[in-house]
PDB file of N, CA and C in Angstrom:
ATOM      1  N   MET A   1     111.485 135.003 153.081  1.00  0.00           N
ATOM      2  CA  MET A   1     110.860 133.946 153.847  1.00  0.00           C
ATOM      3  C   MET A   1     110.600 133.140 152.909  1.00  0.00           C
ATOM      4  N   ASN A   2     110.391 131.849 153.987  1.00  0.00           N
ATOM      5  CA  ASN A   2     110.404 130.553 153.716  1.00  0.00           C
ATOM      6  C   ASN A   2     110.063 129.875 152.241  1.00  0.00           C
ATOM      7  N   PRO A   3     110.803 128.624 152.056  1.00  0.00           N
ATOM      8  CA  PRO A   3     110.493 128.117 151.031  1.00  0.00           C
ATOM      9  C   PRO A   3     108.817 127.906 151.006  1.00  0.00           C
ATOM     10  N   VAL A   4     108.118 126.761 152.390  1.00  0.00           N
ATOM     11  CA  VAL A   4     106.466 126.417 152.102  1.00  0.00           C
ATOM     12  C   VAL A   4     105.844 128.619 152.093  1.00  0.00           C
ATOM     13  N   ASP A   5     106.645 129.190 153.044  1.00  0.00           N
ATOM     14  CA  ASP A   5     105.511 130.767 152.518  1.00  0.00           C
ATOM     15  C   ASP A   5     105.877 131.155 151.045  1.00  0.00           C
ATOM     16  N   LEU A   6     107.357 130.954 150.969  1.00  0.00           N
ATOM     17  CA  LEU A   6     107.215 131.112 148.902  1.00  0.00           C
ATOM     18  C   LEU A   6     105.655 130.672 148.188  1.00  0.00           C
ATOM     19  N   ALA A   7     106.505 128.960 148.497  1.00  0.00           N
ATOM     20  CA  ALA A   7     105.156 128.584 147.508  1.00  0.00           C
ATOM     21  C   ALA A   7     103.145 128.479 148.215  1.00  0.00           C
ATOM     22  N   THR A   8     102.412 128.953 149.932  1.00  0.00           N
ATOM     23  CA  THR A   8     101.942 129.605 149.155  1.00  0.00           C
ATOM     24  C   THR A   8     100.890 130.392 149.433  1.00  0.00           C
ATOM     25  N   SER A   9     102.887 131.781 149.241  1.00  0.00           N
ATOM     26  CA  SER A   9     102.171 132.766 148.246  1.00  0.00           C
ATOM     27  C   SER A   9     101.378 132.909 146.515  1.00  0.00           C
ATOM     28  N   LEU A  10     102.207 131.495 146.527  1.00  0.00           N
ATOM     29  CA  LEU A  10     102.163 131.742 144.551  1.00  0.00           C
ATOM     30  C   LEU A  10     100.811 131.086 144.342  1.00  0.00           C
ATOM     31  N   HIS A  11     100.368 130.019 145.484  1.00  0.00           N
ATOM     32  CA  HIS A  11      99.405 129.380 145.585  1.00  0.00           C
ATOM     33  C   HIS A  11      98.368 130.420 145.693  1.00  0.00           C
ATOM     34  N   ARG A  12      98.054 131.531 146.991  1.00  0.00           N
ATOM     35  CA  ARG A  12      96.999 132.301 146.949  1.00  0.00           C
ATOM     36  C   ARG A  12      96.696 133.305 145.841  1.00  0.00           C
ATOM     37  N   ALA A  13      97.514 133.719 144.945  1.00  0.00           N
ATOM     38  CA  ALA A  13      98.484 134.554 143.729  1.00  0.00           C
ATOM     39  C   ALA A  13      96.931 134.022 143.357  1.00  0.00           C
ATOM     40  N   LEU A  14      96.900 132.303 142.976  1.00  0.00           N
ATOM     41  CA  LEU A  14      96.301 131.980 141.853  1.00  0.00           C
ATOM     42  C   LEU A  14      94.696 131.433 142.454  1.00  0.00           C
ATOM     43  N   GLU A  15      95.057 132.171 144.196  1.00  0.00           N
ATOM     44  CA  GLU A  15      92.910 131.672 144.532  1.00  0.00           C
ATOM     45  C   GLU A  15      92.932 132.892 144.148  1.00  0.00           C
ATOM     46  N   ALA A  16      93.583 133.939 143.906  1.00  0.00           N
ATOM     47  CA  ALA A  16      92.726 135.513 143.630  1.00  0.00           C
ATOM     48  C   ALA A  16      92.921 135.581 141.982  1.00  0.00           C
ATOM     49  N   GLY A  17      93.070 135.107 141.555  1.00  0.00           N
ATOM     50  CA  GLY A  17      92.656 135.175 139.954  1.00  0.00           C
ATOM     51  C   GLY A  17      94.193 135.302 139.323  1.00  0.00           C
ATOM     52  N   GLU A  18      94.800 135.941 140.016  1.00  0.00           N
ATOM     53  CA  GLU A  18      96.121 136.012 138.865  1.00  0.00           C
ATOM     54  C   GLU A  18      96.460 135.809 138.732  1.00  0.00           C
ATOM     55  N   SER A  19      97.403 136.287 137.041  1.00  0.00           N
ATOM     56  CA  SER A  19      97.495 135.147 136.263  1.00  0.00           C
ATOM     57  C   SER A  19      98.928 135.820 135.276  1.00  0.00           C
ATOM     58  N   GLY A  20      98.710 136.039 134.258  1.00  0.00           N
ATOM     59  CA  GLY A  20     100.327 136.081 133.395  1.00  0.00           C
ATOM     60  C   GLY A  20     101.375 137.035 133.981  1.00  0.00           C
ATOM     61  N   PRO A  21     101.936 137.910 133.349  1.00  0.00           N
ATOM     62  CA  PRO A  21     103.210 139.131 134.405  1.00  0.00           C
ATOM     63  C   PRO A  21     102.670 139.352 135.831  1.00  0.00           C
ATOM     64  N   ALA A  22     100.807 138.829 135.733  1.00  0.00           N
ATOM     65  CA  ALA A  22     101.387 138.435 137.387  1.00  0.00           C
ATOM     66  C   ALA A  22     102.044 138.257 138.686  1.00  0.00           C
ATOM     67  N   LEU A  23     102.565 137.255 138.242  1.00  0.00           N
ATOM     68  CA  LEU A  23     103.109 136.245 138.750  1.00  0.00           C
ATOM     69  C   LEU A  23     103.699 135.877 138.986  1.00  0.00           C
ATOM     70  N   ARG A  24     104.978 136.997 137.863  1.00  0.00           N
ATOM     71  CA  ARG A  24     106.719 136.918 136.894  1.00  0.00           C
ATOM     72  C   ARG A  24     106.765 137.357 139.111  1.00  0.00           C
ATOM     73  N   ARG A  25     106.126 137.678 139.582  1.00  0.00           N
ATOM     74  CA  ARG A  25     106.894 138.092 140.777  1.00  0.00           C
ATOM     75  C   ARG A  25     107.312 137.300 141.939  1.00  0.00           C
ATOM     76  N   HIS A  26     106.699 136.038 141.960  1.00  0.00           N
ATOM     77  CA  HIS A  26     107.237 135.028 142.775  1.00  0.00           C
ATOM     78  C   HIS A  26     107.706 133.934 142.197  1.00  0.00           C
ATOM     79  N   PHE A  27     108.366 134.451 140.749  1.00  0.00           N
ATOM     80  CA  PHE A  27     109.905 133.482 140.143  1.00  0.00           C
ATOM     81  C   PHE A  27     110.929 134.564 140.402  1.00  0.00           C
ATOM     82  N   ALA A  28     112.090 133.459 139.882  1.00  0.00           N
ATOM     83  CA  ALA A  28     113.415 133.174 139.067  1.00  0.00           C
ATOM     84  C   ALA A  28     113.193 133.855 137.950  1.00  0.00           C
ATOM     85  N   ALA A  29     114.154 134.273 137.083  1.00  0.00           N
ATOM     86  CA  ALA A  29     113.888 134.424 135.296  1.00  0.00           C
ATOM     87  C   ALA A  29     113.970 133.827 135.501  1.00  0.00           C
ATOM     88  N   ASP A  30     114.852 132.190 135.427  1.00  0.00           N
ATOM     89  CA  ASP A  30     114.836 131.020 134.631  1.00  0.00           C
ATOM     90  C   ASP A  30     114.475 130.753 134.847  1.00  0.00           C
ATOM     91  N   ALA A  31     112.869 130.391 136.727  1.00  0.00           N
ATOM     92  CA  ALA A  31     112.319 129.546 136.327  1.00  0.00           C
ATOM     93  C   ALA A  31     111.650 129.141 135.589  1.00  0.00           C
ATOM     94  N   VAL A  32     111.311 126.999 136.407  1.00  0.00           N
ATOM     95  CA  VAL A  32     110.503 125.821 135.862  1.00  0.00           C
ATOM     96  C   VAL A  32     109.592 125.724 136.174  1.00  0.00           C
ATOM     97  N   THR A  33     108.558 124.940 135.050  1.00  0.00           N
ATOM     98  CA  THR A  33     108.045 123.903 136.051  1.00  0.00           C
ATOM     99  C   THR A  33     107.654 123.038 135.085  1.00  0.00           C
ATOM    100  N   VAL A  34     107.681 121.283 136.384  1.00  0.00           N
ATOM    101  CA  VAL A  34     107.388 119.839 136.004  1.00  0.00           C
ATOM    102  C   VAL A  34     106.638 119.518 136.329  1.00  0.00           C
ATOM    103  N   GLU A  35     105.732 118.818 135.550  1.00  0.00           N
ATOM    104  CA  GLU A  35     104.393 118.336 135.463  1.00  0.00           C
ATOM    105  C   GLU A  35     104.733 117.282 135.007  1.00  0.00           C
ATOM    106  N   ARG A  36     104.840 115.670 136.675  1.00  0.00           N
ATOM    107  CA  ARG A  36     104.307 114.523 135.850  1.00  0.00           C
ATOM    108  C   ARG A  36     103.523 114.430 135.201  1.00  0.00           C
ATOM    109  N   PRO A  37     103.310 112.964 134.268  1.00  0.00           N
ATOM    110  CA  PRO A  37     101.750 112.119 133.926  1.00  0.00           C
ATOM    111  C   PRO A  37     100.703 112.159 134.789  1.00  0.00           C
ATOM    112  N   ASN A  38     100.221 113.193 133.739  1.00  0.00           N
ATOM    113  CA  ASN A  38      98.572 112.992 135.252  1.00  0.00           C
ATOM    114  C   ASN A  38      97.545 112.983 133.270  1.00  0.00           C
ATOM    115  N   LEU A  39      96.316 112.758 134.496  1.00  0.00           N
ATOM    116  CA  LEU A  39      95.067 112.528 133.520  1.00  0.00           C
ATOM    117  C   LEU A  39      95.114 113.111 132.220  1.00  0.00           C
ATOM    118  N   ILE A  40      94.841 115.365 132.458  1.00  0.00           N
ATOM    119  CA  ILE A  40      94.928 115.847 132.068  1.00  0.00           C
ATOM    120  C   ILE A  40      96.466 116.367 130.406  1.00  0.00           C
ATOM    121  N   LYS A  41      97.704 115.587 131.601  1.00  0.00           N
ATOM    122  CA  LYS A  41      99.086 115.838 130.330  1.00  0.00           C
ATOM    123  C   LYS A  41      99.474 114.672 131.056  1.00  0.00           C
ATOM    124  N   PRO A  42      99.188 113.457 129.763  1.00  0.00           N
ATOM    125  CA  PRO A  42      99.398 112.029 129.819  1.00  0.00           C
ATOM    126  C   PRO A  42     100.972 111.502 129.911  1.00  0.00           C
ATOM    127  N   ASN A  43     101.854 112.827 129.443  1.00  0.00           N
ATOM    128  CA  ASN A  43     103.634 112.698 128.637  1.00  0.00           C
ATOM    129  C   ASN A  43     104.122 113.571 129.576  1.00  0.00           C
ATOM    130  N   GLY A  44     103.011 114.179 130.650  1.00  0.00           N
ATOM    131  CA  GLY A  44     104.186 114.931 131.707  1.00  0.00           C
ATOM    132  C   GLY A  44     103.589 116.334 130.441  1.00  0.00           C
ATOM    133  N   ALA A  45     104.736 117.632 131.182  1.00  0.00           N
ATOM    134  CA  ALA A  45     105.037 118.807 130.841  1.00  0.00           C
ATOM    135  C   ALA A  45     106.320 119.745 131.022  1.00  0.00           C
ATOM    136  N   ARG A  46     107.404 119.771 130.537  1.00  0.00           N
ATOM    137  CA  ARG A  46     108.456 121.110 131.111  1.00  0.00           C
ATOM    138  C   ARG A  46     107.982 122.799 130.597  1.00  0.00           C
ATOM    139  N   SER A  47     107.902 123.237 131.171  1.00  0.00           N
ATOM    140  CA  SER A  47     107.926 124.666 130.937  1.00  0.00           C
ATOM    141  C   SER A  47     108.506 125.875 131.543  1.00  0.00           C
ATOM    142  N   PRO A  48     109.515 126.447 131.043  1.00  0.00           N
ATOM    143  CA  PRO A  48     110.091 127.912 131.360  1.00  0.00           C
ATOM    144  C   PRO A  48     109.055 129.076 131.628  1.00  0.00           C
ATOM    145  N   LEU A  49     109.640 129.565 132.624  1.00  0.00           N
ATOM    146  CA  LEU A  49     108.713 131.239 133.540  1.00  0.00           C
ATOM    147  C   LEU A  49     108.286 131.438 132.300  1.00  0.00           C
ATOM    148  N   GLU A  50     108.255 132.206 131.148  1.00  0.00           N
ATOM    149  CA  GLU A  50     106.980 132.418 130.453  1.00  0.00           C
ATOM    150  C   GLU A  50     105.826 131.756 129.977  1.00  0.00           C
ATOM    151  N   GLU A  51     106.508 130.408 129.345  1.00  0.00           N
ATOM    152  CA  GLU A  51     104.817 129.473 129.415  1.00  0.00           C
ATOM    153  C   GLU A  51     105.000 129.133 130.242  1.00  0.00           C
ATOM    154  N   MET A  52     104.606 129.048 131.535  1.00  0.00           N
ATOM    155  CA  MET A  52     103.950 129.066 132.590  1.00  0.00           C
ATOM    156  C   MET A  52     102.728 130.264 132.605  1.00  0.00           C
ATOM    157  N   LEU A  53     104.005 131.535 132.721  1.00  0.00           N
ATOM    158  CA  LEU A  53     103.032 132.247 132.808  1.00  0.00           C
ATOM    159  C   LEU A  53     101.725 132.326 132.009  1.00  0.00           C
ATOM    160  N   ALA A  54     101.973 132.072 130.200  1.00  0.00           N
ATOM    161  CA  ALA A  54     100.790 131.790 129.284  1.00  0.00           C
ATOM    162  C   ALA A  54      99.972 131.079 129.973  1.00  0.00           C
ATOM    163  N   ASN A  55     100.486 130.199 129.784  1.00  0.00           N
ATOM    164  CA  ASN A  55      99.119 128.484 130.938  1.00  0.00           C
ATOM    165  C   ASN A  55      98.768 128.979 132.114  1.00  0.00           C
ATOM    166  N   SER A  56      98.858 130.123 132.987  1.00  0.00           N
ATOM    167  CA  SER A  56      98.447 130.572 134.158  1.00  0.00           C
ATOM    168  C   SER A  56      97.239 131.413 133.016  1.00  0.00           C
ATOM    169  N   GLU A  57      97.554 131.883 132.309  1.00  0.00           N
ATOM    170  CA  GLU A  57      96.235 132.778 132.128  1.00  0.00           C
ATOM    171  C   GLU A  57      95.285 131.799 131.549  1.00  0.00           C
ATOM    172  N   LYS A  58      95.128 130.903 130.397  1.00  0.00           N
ATOM    173  CA  LYS A  58      94.721 129.485 129.689  1.00  0.00           C
ATOM    174  C   LYS A  58      93.557 129.164 131.112  1.00  0.00           C
ATOM    175  N   GLY A  59      94.797 128.792 131.600  1.00  0.00           N
ATOM    176  CA  GLY A  59      93.944 128.208 133.363  1.00  0.00           C
ATOM    177  C   GLY A  59      92.431 129.111 134.188  1.00  0.00           C
ATOM    178  N   THR A  60      93.019 130.633 133.705  1.00  0.00           N
ATOM    179  CA  THR A  60      92.239 131.931 134.887  1.00  0.00           C
ATOM    180  C   THR A  60      91.078 131.878 133.336  1.00  0.00           C
ATOM    181  N   GLY A  61      91.115 131.362 131.718  1.00  0.00           N
ATOM    182  CA  GLY A  61      89.776 131.058 130.879  1.00  0.00           C
ATOM    183  C   GLY A  61      89.525 130.130 131.027  1.00  0.00           C
ATOM    184  N   LEU A  62      89.518 129.490 131.654  1.00  0.00           N
ATOM    185  CA  LEU A  62      89.156 128.440 131.361  1.00  0.00           C
ATOM    186  C   LEU A  62      88.321 127.402 132.931  1.00  0.00           C
ATOM    187  N   LEU A  63      88.861 127.832 133.711  1.00  0.00           N
ATOM    188  CA  LEU A  63      88.353 128.673 134.824  1.00  0.00           C
ATOM    189  C   LEU A  63      88.173 129.187 136.320  1.00  0.00           C
ATOM    190  N   SER A  64      86.717 129.351 136.836  1.00  0.00           N
ATOM    191  CA  SER A  64      86.114 130.262 137.783  1.00  0.00           C
ATOM    192  C   SER A  64      86.177 130.542 138.580  1.00  0.00           C
ATOM    193  N   ARG A  65      86.186 129.529 139.531  1.00  0.00           N
ATOM    194  CA  ARG A  65      87.532 129.865 140.812  1.00  0.00           C
ATOM    195  C   ARG A  65      88.513 128.468 140.569  1.00  0.00           C
ATOM    196  N   GLN A  66      89.568 128.367 141.849  1.00  0.00           N
ATOM    197  CA  GLN A  66      90.371 127.840 141.819  1.00  0.00           C
ATOM    198  C   GLN A  66      90.862 127.105 143.701  1.00  0.00           C
ATOM    199  N   LYS A  67      90.534 126.265 144.250  1.00  0.00           N
ATOM    200  CA  LYS A  67      91.764 126.033 145.810  1.00  0.00           C
ATOM    201  C   LYS A  67      92.822 125.265 146.117  1.00  0.00           C
ATOM    202  N   TYR A  68      93.933 125.834 147.484  1.00  0.00           N
ATOM    203  CA  TYR A  68      94.522 125.133 147.291  1.00  0.00           C
ATOM    204  C   TYR A  68      94.378 125.137 148.861  1.00  0.00           C
ATOM    205  N   ASP A  69      94.637 123.120 149.548  1.00  0.00           N
ATOM    206  CA  ASP A  69      94.608 122.967 150.419  1.00  0.00           C
ATOM    207  C   ASP A  69      95.515 122.446 150.552  1.00  0.00           C
ATOM    208  N   VAL A  70      96.384 122.992 151.378  1.00  0.00           N
ATOM    209  CA  VAL A  70      97.839 122.105 151.732  1.00  0.00           C
ATOM    210  C   VAL A  70      97.109 122.019 153.183  1.00  0.00           C
ATOM    211  N   HIS A  71      97.748 120.028 152.993  1.00  0.00           N
ATOM    212  CA  HIS A  71      97.186 119.892 154.147  1.00  0.00           C
ATOM    213  C   HIS A  71      98.782 119.352 155.563  1.00  0.00           C
ATOM    214  N   SER A  72      99.650 119.326 154.257  1.00  0.00           N
ATOM    215  CA  SER A  72     101.503 119.062 155.496  1.00  0.00           C
ATOM    216  C   SER A  72     102.472 120.008 154.476  1.00  0.00           C
ATOM    217  N   ALA A  73     102.839 120.339 154.821  1.00  0.00           N
ATOM    218  CA  ALA A  73     104.540 120.792 154.475  1.00  0.00           C
ATOM    219  C   ALA A  73     105.496 121.011 154.759  1.00  0.00           C
ATOM    220  N   LEU A  74     106.194 120.229 154.542  1.00  0.00           N
ATOM    221  CA  LEU A  74     108.218 119.936 154.967  1.00  0.00           C
ATOM    222  C   LEU A  74     108.884 121.073 154.151  1.00  0.00           C
ATOM    223  N   VAL A  75     110.218 121.720 154.883  1.00  0.00           N
ATOM    224  CA  VAL A  75     111.091 122.610 153.920  1.00  0.00           C
ATOM    225  C   VAL A  75     112.548 121.215 154.368  1.00  0.00           C
ATOM    226  N   SER A  76     112.992 121.343 153.045  1.00  0.00           N
ATOM    227  CA  SER A  76     114.304 120.406 153.284  1.00  0.00           C
ATOM    228  C   SER A  76     115.754 121.500 152.633  1.00  0.00           C
ATOM    229  N   GLY A  77     116.147 122.302 153.474  1.00  0.00           N
ATOM    230  CA  GLY A  77     116.882 123.193 152.546  1.00  0.00           C
ATOM    231  C   GLY A  77     116.275 124.141 151.735  1.00  0.00           C
ATOM    232  N   ASP A  78     116.673 124.469 151.013  1.00  0.00           N
ATOM    233  CA  ASP A  78     116.181 125.803 150.039  1.00  0.00           C
ATOM    234  C   ASP A  78     114.482 125.327 149.342  1.00  0.00           C
ATOM    235  N   THR A  79     114.478 123.932 149.474  1.00  0.00           N
ATOM    236  CA  THR A  79     112.914 122.913 149.373  1.00  0.00           C
ATOM    237  C   THR A  79     111.687 123.120 150.040  1.00  0.00           C
ATOM    238  N   ALA A  80     110.195 123.319 149.790  1.00  0.00           N
ATOM    239  CA  ALA A  80     108.741 122.840 150.014  1.00  0.00           C
ATOM    240  C   ALA A  80     108.900 121.883 149.906  1.00  0.00           C
ATOM    241  N   ILE A  81     107.595 120.646 150.335  1.00  0.00           N
ATOM    242  CA  ILE A  81     108.254 120.024 149.884  1.00  0.00           C
ATOM    243  C   ILE A  81     105.632 120.131 150.794  1.00  0.00           C
ATOM    244  N   LEU A  82     105.263 119.986 149.392  1.00  0.00           N
ATOM    245  CA  LEU A  82     103.865 120.316 150.183  1.00  0.00           C
ATOM    246  C   LEU A  82     102.539 119.020 149.312  1.00  0.00           C
ATOM    247  N   ARG A  83     101.374 118.605 150.138  1.00  0.00           N
ATOM    248  CA  ARG A  83     100.407 117.391 150.437  1.00  0.00           C
ATOM    249  C   ARG A  83      99.530 118.807 150.415  1.00  0.00           C
ATOM    250  N   LEU A  84      98.859 118.331 148.826  1.00  0.00           N
ATOM    251  CA  LEU A  84      97.809 119.313 148.552  1.00  0.00           C
ATOM    252  C   LEU A  84      96.707 118.218 148.251  1.00  0.00           C
ATOM    253  N   THR A  85      95.278 119.612 148.606  1.00  0.00           N
ATOM    254  CA  THR A  85      94.555 118.769 147.220  1.00  0.00           C
ATOM    255  C   THR A  85      94.697 120.082 146.273  1.00  0.00           C
ATOM    256  N   TRP A  86      93.621 120.148 145.246  1.00  0.00           N
ATOM    257  CA  TRP A  86      93.542 121.360 144.338  1.00  0.00           C
ATOM    258  C   TRP A  86      92.774 121.264 144.046  1.00  0.00           C
ATOM    259  N   THR A  87      91.388 121.966 143.752  1.00  0.00           N
ATOM    260  CA  THR A  87      89.808 122.283 143.085  1.00  0.00           C
ATOM    261  C   THR A  87      89.390 123.116 142.414  1.00  0.00           C
ATOM    262  N   GLY A  88      89.687 122.622 141.411  1.00  0.00           N
ATOM    263  CA  GLY A  88      89.079 123.783 140.280  1.00  0.00           C
ATOM    264  C   GLY A  88      87.952 123.711 139.656  1.00  0.00           C
ATOM    265  N   THR A  89      87.065 124.462 139.476  1.00  0.00           N
ATOM    266  CA  THR A  89      85.987 125.165 139.460  1.00  0.00           C
ATOM    267  C   THR A  89      85.561 125.595 137.926  1.00  0.00           C
ATOM    268  N   LEU A  90      85.115 124.690 136.718  1.00  0.00           N
ATOM    269  CA  LEU A  90      85.198 125.034 134.976  1.00  0.00           C
ATOM    270  C   LEU A  90      84.420 126.044 135.169  1.00  0.00           C
ATOM    271  N   ARG A  91      84.313 127.013 134.220  1.00  0.00           N
ATOM    272  CA  ARG A  91      83.308 127.669 134.242  1.00  0.00           C
ATOM    273  C   ARG A  91      81.564 127.642 134.460  1.00  0.00           C
ATOM    274  N   ASP A  92      81.698 125.911 133.884  1.00  0.00           N
ATOM    275  CA  ASP A  92      79.926 125.444 133.306  1.00  0.00           C
ATOM    276  C   ASP A  92      79.798 124.785 134.494  1.00  0.00           C
ATOM    277  N   GLY A  93      81.029 124.742 136.029  1.00  0.00           N
ATOM    278  CA  GLY A  93      79.994 125.053 137.436  1.00  0.00           C
ATOM    279  C   GLY A  93      80.957 123.466 137.855  1.00  0.00           C
ATOM    280  N   ARG A  94      81.663 122.290 136.388  1.00  0.00           N
ATOM    281  CA  ARG A  94      81.979 121.265 137.185  1.00  0.00           C
ATOM    282  C   ARG A  94      83.472 121.354 138.030  1.00  0.00           C
ATOM    283  N   GLU A  95      83.646 120.693 138.948  1.00  0.00           N
ATOM    284  CA  GLU A  95      84.561 121.402 139.578  1.00  0.00           C
ATOM    285  C   GLU A  95      85.465 119.498 139.222  1.00  0.00           C
ATOM    286  N   LEU A  96      87.029 120.337 139.239  1.00  0.00           N
ATOM    287  CA  LEU A  96      88.266 118.835 138.712  1.00  0.00           C
ATOM    288  C   LEU A  96      88.709 118.787 140.411  1.00  0.00           C
ATOM    289  N   VAL A  97      89.037 117.841 141.043  1.00  0.00           N
ATOM    290  CA  VAL A  97      90.212 118.305 142.322  1.00  0.00           C
ATOM    291  C   VAL A  97      91.340 116.759 141.338  1.00  0.00           C
ATOM    292  N   ALA A  98      92.506 117.701 142.136  1.00  0.00           N
ATOM    293  CA  ALA A  98      93.740 116.522 141.639  1.00  0.00           C
ATOM    294  C   ALA A  98      94.318 116.854 143.636  1.00  0.00           C
ATOM    295  N   HIS A  99      94.684 115.466 144.153  1.00  0.00           N
ATOM    296  CA  HIS A  99      95.507 115.404 145.069  1.00  0.00           C
ATOM    297  C   HIS A  99      97.156 115.877 145.022  1.00  0.00           C
ATOM    298  N   ILE A 100      97.326 116.271 144.878  1.00  0.00           N
ATOM    299  CA  ILE A 100      99.612 116.529 144.910  1.00  0.00           C
ATOM    300  C   ILE A 100     100.538 116.704 145.409  1.00  0.00           C
ATOM    301  N   ALA A 101     101.197 116.107 145.141  1.00  0.00           N
ATOM    302  CA  ALA A 101     102.571 116.404 145.791  1.00  0.00           C
ATOM    303  C   ALA A 101     103.192 117.206 144.751  1.00  0.00           C
ATOM    304  N   GLN A 102     103.690 118.169 146.494  1.00  0.00           N
ATOM    305  CA  GLN A 102     104.208 119.499 144.710  1.00  0.00           C
ATOM    306  C   GLN A 102     106.266 119.718 145.634  1.00  0.00           C
ATOM    307  N   PHE A 103     106.766 119.654 145.272  1.00  0.00           N
ATOM    308  CA  PHE A 103     108.280 120.364 145.280  1.00  0.00           C
ATOM    309  C   PHE A 103     108.215 122.227 144.403  1.00  0.00           C
ATOM    310  N   VAL A 104     108.640 122.514 145.969  1.00  0.00           N
ATOM    311  CA  VAL A 104     108.688 123.983 145.357  1.00  0.00           C
ATOM    312  C   VAL A 104     110.225 124.491 145.456  1.00  0.00           C
ATOM    313  N   ASP A 105     110.860 124.780 144.883  1.00  0.00           N
ATOM    314  CA  ASP A 105     112.991 124.838 145.297  1.00  0.00           C
ATOM    315  C   ASP A 105     112.578 126.089 144.727  1.00  0.00           C
ATOM    316  N   THR A 106     113.436 126.771 145.772  1.00  0.00           N
ATOM    317  CA  THR A 106     113.587 128.520 146.612  1.00  0.00           C
ATOM    318  C   THR A 106     115.114 129.544 145.791  1.00  0.00           C
ATOM    319  N   ARG A 107     115.510 130.083 145.347  1.00  0.00           N
ATOM    320  CA  ARG A 107     116.784 130.789 145.578  1.00  0.00           C
ATOM    321  C   ARG A 107     116.711 131.947 145.819  1.00  0.00           C
ATOM    322  N   ASP A 108     116.695 132.945 146.306  1.00  0.00           N
ATOM    323  CA  ASP A 108     117.410 134.438 147.074  1.00  0.00           C
ATOM    324  C   ASP A 108     115.842 134.951 146.691  1.00  0.00           C
ATOM    325  N   GLY A 109     115.258 134.459 148.414  1.00  0.00           N
ATOM    326  CA  GLY A 109     113.591 134.905 148.080  1.00  0.00           C
ATOM    327  C   GLY A 109     112.565 134.341 146.890  1.00  0.00           C
ATOM    328  N   LEU A 110     112.560 133.701 145.362  1.00  0.00           N
ATOM    329  CA  LEU A 110     111.933 133.955 144.367  1.00  0.00           C
ATOM    330  C   LEU A 110     112.210 132.482 144.215  1.00  0.00           C
ATOM    331  N   ILE A 111     110.514 131.489 143.584  1.00  0.00           N
ATOM    332  CA  ILE A 111     110.540 130.663 143.409  1.00  0.00           C
ATOM    333  C   ILE A 111     111.470 130.374 141.791  1.00  0.00           C
ATOM    334  N   SER A 112     112.585 128.904 141.718  1.00  0.00           N
ATOM    335  CA  SER A 112     113.387 128.561 141.455  1.00  0.00           C
ATOM    336  C   SER A 112     112.872 127.227 140.608  1.00  0.00           C
ATOM    337  N   ALA A 113     111.507 126.805 140.773  1.00  0.00           N
ATOM    338  CA  ALA A 113     111.766 125.358 140.183  1.00  0.00           C
ATOM    339  C   ALA A 113     110.398 124.519 141.094  1.00  0.00           C
ATOM    340  N   ILE A 114     109.677 124.044 140.420  1.00  0.00           N
ATOM    341  CA  ILE A 114     107.846 123.336 141.386  1.00  0.00           C
ATOM    342  C   ILE A 114     108.060 121.937 139.671  1.00  0.00           C
ATOM    343  N   GLU A 115     107.783 120.895 141.059  1.00  0.00           N
ATOM    344  CA  GLU A 115     107.771 120.424 140.367  1.00  0.00           C
ATOM    345  C   GLU A 115     106.689 119.110 140.742  1.00  0.00           C
ATOM    346  N   THR A 116     105.070 118.846 139.812  1.00  0.00           N
ATOM    347  CA  THR A 116     104.251 118.204 140.340  1.00  0.00           C
ATOM    348  C   THR A 116     104.115 117.255 140.279  1.00  0.00           C
ATOM    349  N   TYR A 117     103.103 116.352 140.923  1.00  0.00           N
ATOM    350  CA  TYR A 117     102.609 114.793 140.951  1.00  0.00           C
ATOM    351  C   TYR A 117     101.097 114.770 141.208  1.00  0.00           C
ATOM    352  N   ASP A 118     100.926 114.975 139.777  1.00  0.00           N
ATOM    353  CA  ASP A 118      98.773 115.230 140.064  1.00  0.00           C
ATOM    354  C   ASP A 118      98.344 114.061 139.919  1.00  0.00           C
ATOM    355  N   CYS A 119      97.580 113.840 140.636  1.00  0.00           N
ATOM    356  CA  CYS A 119      96.724 112.256 140.680  1.00  0.00           C
ATOM    357  C   CYS A 119      95.009 112.600 140.471  1.00  0.00           C
ATOM    358  N   TYR A 120      94.588 112.981 139.557  1.00  0.00           N
ATOM    359  CA  TYR A 120      93.489 113.097 139.023  1.00  0.00           C
ATOM    360  C   TYR A 120      92.271 112.371 139.304  1.00  0.00           C
ATOM    361  N   GLU A 121      91.233 112.880 140.548  1.00  0.00           N
ATOM    362  CA  GLU A 121      89.565 112.399 140.707  1.00  0.00           C
ATOM    363  C   GLU A 121      89.680 112.118 139.289  1.00  0.00           C
ATOM    364  N   PRO A 122      89.090 111.047 138.930  1.00  0.00           N
ATOM    365  CA  PRO A 122      88.012 110.903 138.083  1.00  0.00           C
ATOM    366  C   PRO A 122      86.730 112.125 137.543  1.00  0.00           C
ATOM    367  N   PHE A 123      86.934 112.260 136.113  1.00  0.00           N
ATOM    368  CA  PHE A 123      86.092 113.401 135.570  1.00  0.00           C
ATOM    369  C   PHE A 123      85.486 112.736 134.177  1.00  0.00           C
TER     370      PHE A 123
END
């Protein structure tokens, strides 16, 4: 599977409500995610796989729905470079919207790292 397909496969799983250990199949054992500073995480964050999976479960508890709309995608070697809009609907019905540049590194058919630049609309 090419890097863009791996990234969008993860997006579809998240949209379907998958979280925690169910997402492990998408990732290399040493995978990390790096979130650059944004409105929700002003200092940014770096999370290893176990923390990523735990955070996905927290997100599922806060959101009733999430959607990833990929506007463009490029492949450079083993990296997918995506420009997308994420929309998350909170359990109280409010929406969060982020315009994202996402870099997804892959290795041996799995995601090894995700780096995101999330630009949230005011909420």
